[in-house]
Every structure is written in C-alpha cells, then in structure tokens.
Amino acid sequence: MIQELVVGKSYEIQTKNFHRSFVGKIIDLSKERILVEIEQLSLIDSENFAVHAQVEVERLDIKRQLEDDYFFS
C-alpha cells in the first residue's frame, strides 16, 4: 500500500466505477477526500468518463505511484 500520497503526482487507480484501472493525478488531498484528475483511461471507460475529468477516490483505490516515464496500456 502507498505510504504517502503526493499532490501533483500520477498514480494507477482502480475504483468500482471503472472497468479498468486509469492514470490519475492527485489535485487535492485531505483527510476527508482524495480528488484526482483523469490523465489516461481505457476505451471501455471513455464512454462514461472523460480525460481531465475530476473524480473522488478512496485511499485503497490507489494501486501505485507512477514515475514520469511510465507506460500505460
């Protein structure tokens, strides 16, 4: 599990509302919520969500931090 989340960093995220994991950048982080901006998502989820949309996630939805040179398929 991720120990420390960082605003402005990208993470692989999987929530119950998405069929597949997506890449999101944390834009707001507090004890009450984690707000991310979708950077990349799979085609199947693009029908319901758009790139740059903002979604609220839970800490357990965040799978791992991605480096600047990540490859997401």
C-alpha atoms as a PDB file:
ATOM      1  CA  MET A   1       0.000   0.000   0.000  1.00  0.00           C
ATOM      2  CA  ILE A   2       1.145   3.508  -0.695  1.00  0.00           C
ATOM      3  CA  GLN A   3       2.504   5.131   2.443  1.00  0.00           C
ATOM      4  CA  GLU A   4       2.457   8.761   1.420  1.00  0.00           C
ATOM      5  CA  LEU A   5       0.380  10.328  -1.345  1.00  0.00           C
ATOM      6  CA  VAL A   6       1.688  13.454  -3.067  1.00  0.00           C
ATOM      7  CA  VAL A   7      -0.355  16.197  -4.740  1.00  0.00           C
ATOM      8  CA  GLY A   8       0.749  16.612  -8.365  1.00  0.00           C
ATOM      9  CA  LYS A   9       1.973  13.014  -8.771  1.00  0.00           C
ATOM     10  CA  SER A  10       0.366  10.415 -11.039  1.00  0.00           C
ATOM     11  CA  TYR A  11      -0.987   7.114  -9.761  1.00  0.00           C
ATOM     12  CA  GLU A  12      -2.578   3.962 -11.138  1.00  0.00           C
ATOM     13  CA  ILE A  13      -6.118   3.911  -9.741  1.00  0.00           C
ATOM     14  CA  GLN A  14      -8.867   1.284  -9.819  1.00  0.00           C
ATOM     15  CA  THR A  15     -12.303   2.168  -8.455  1.00  0.00           C
ATOM     16  CA  LYS A  16     -15.588   0.284  -8.510  1.00  0.00           C
ATOM     17  CA  ASN A  17     -16.957   2.791 -11.054  1.00  0.00           C
ATOM     18  CA  PHE A  18     -14.342   1.917 -13.699  1.00  0.00           C
ATOM     19  CA  HIS A  19     -13.982  -1.349 -15.624  1.00  0.00           C
ATOM     20  CA  ARG A  20     -10.198  -0.996 -15.769  1.00  0.00           C
ATOM     21  CA  SER A  21      -7.575   0.972 -13.908  1.00  0.00           C
ATOM     22  CA  PHE A  22      -6.780   4.513 -15.022  1.00  0.00           C
ATOM     23  CA  VAL A  23      -3.995   7.030 -14.535  1.00  0.00           C
ATOM     24  CA  GLY A  24      -4.896   9.982 -12.367  1.00  0.00           C
ATOM     25  CA  LYS A  25      -3.020  12.926 -10.913  1.00  0.00           C
ATOM     26  CA  ILE A  26      -3.858  13.944  -7.353  1.00  0.00           C
ATOM     27  CA  ILE A  27      -5.065  17.541  -7.346  1.00  0.00           C
ATOM     28  CA  ASP A  28      -6.484  17.764  -3.810  1.00  0.00           C
ATOM     29  CA  LEU A  29      -5.616  15.710  -0.766  1.00  0.00           C
ATOM     30  CA  SER A  30      -7.140  15.986   2.688  1.00  0.00           C
ATOM     31  CA  LYS A  31      -8.311  13.697   5.481  1.00  0.00           C
ATOM     32  CA  GLU A  32     -11.828  13.886   4.067  1.00  0.00           C
ATOM     33  CA  ARG A  33     -11.133  13.195   0.392  1.00  0.00           C
ATOM     34  CA  ILE A  34      -8.700  12.475  -2.417  1.00  0.00           C
ATOM     35  CA  LEU A  35      -9.544  14.270  -5.662  1.00  0.00           C
ATOM     36  CA  VAL A  36      -7.800  13.165  -8.860  1.00  0.00           C
ATOM     37  CA  GLU A  37      -7.813  14.379 -12.443  1.00  0.00           C
ATOM     38  CA  ILE A  38      -8.028  11.585 -15.010  1.00  0.00           C
ATOM     39  CA  GLU A  39      -4.969  11.619 -17.285  1.00  0.00           C
ATOM     40  CA  GLN A  40      -5.460   8.342 -19.188  1.00  0.00           C
ATOM     41  CA  LEU A  41      -8.174   5.717 -19.217  1.00  0.00           C
ATOM     42  CA  SER A  42      -9.204   2.684 -21.230  1.00  0.00           C
ATOM     43  CA  LEU A  43     -11.547   2.903 -24.194  1.00  0.00           C
ATOM     44  CA  ILE A  44     -14.288   0.990 -22.380  1.00  0.00           C
ATOM     45  CA  ASP A  45     -14.408   3.635 -19.624  1.00  0.00           C
ATOM     46  CA  SER A  46     -14.244   6.599 -22.001  1.00  0.00           C
ATOM     47  CA  GLU A  47     -17.989   6.250 -22.648  1.00  0.00           C
ATOM     48  CA  ASN A  48     -18.731   7.303 -19.057  1.00  0.00           C
ATOM     49  CA  PHE A  49     -15.678   9.370 -18.111  1.00  0.00           C
ATOM     50  CA  ALA A  50     -13.528  11.900 -19.962  1.00  0.00           C
ATOM     51  CA  VAL A  51      -9.840  12.696 -19.797  1.00  0.00           C
ATOM     52  CA  HIS A  52      -9.287  15.656 -17.441  1.00  0.00           C
ATOM     53  CA  ALA A  53     -12.481  14.858 -15.525  1.00  0.00           C
ATOM     54  CA  GLN A  54     -12.146  15.040 -11.758  1.00  0.00           C
ATOM     55  CA  VAL A  55     -13.203  12.117  -9.589  1.00  0.00           C
ATOM     56  CA  GLU A  56     -13.076  11.448  -5.881  1.00  0.00           C
ATOM     57  CA  VAL A  57     -11.328   8.218  -4.880  1.00  0.00           C
ATOM     58  CA  GLU A  58     -10.515   6.345  -1.696  1.00  0.00           C
ATOM     59  CA  ARG A  59      -7.002   5.589  -0.480  1.00  0.00           C
ATOM     60  CA  LEU A  60      -7.490   1.860  -1.152  1.00  0.00           C
ATOM     61  CA  ASP A  61      -8.364   2.606  -4.811  1.00  0.00           C
ATOM     62  CA  ILE A  62      -4.812   3.856  -5.424  1.00  0.00           C
ATOM     63  CA  LYS A  63      -2.614   0.963  -6.530  1.00  0.00           C
ATOM     64  CA  ARG A  64       0.811   2.533  -7.093  1.00  0.00           C
ATOM     65  CA  GLN A  65       2.642   5.748  -7.870  1.00  0.00           C
ATOM     66  CA  LEU A  66       3.828   6.096 -11.452  1.00  0.00           C
ATOM     67  CA  GLU A  67       7.167   7.537 -12.476  1.00  0.00           C
ATOM     68  CA  ASP A  68       7.450  10.253 -15.129  1.00  0.00           C
ATOM     69  CA  ASP A  69       8.429   7.671 -17.771  1.00  0.00           C
ATOM     70  CA  TYR A  70       5.563   5.204 -17.133  1.00  0.00           C
ATOM     71  CA  PHE A  71       3.878   3.195 -19.889  1.00  0.00           C
ATOM     72  CA  PHE A  72       0.134   2.664 -19.502  1.00  0.00           C
ATOM     73  CA  SER A  73      -1.771   0.381 -21.865  1.00  0.00           C
END
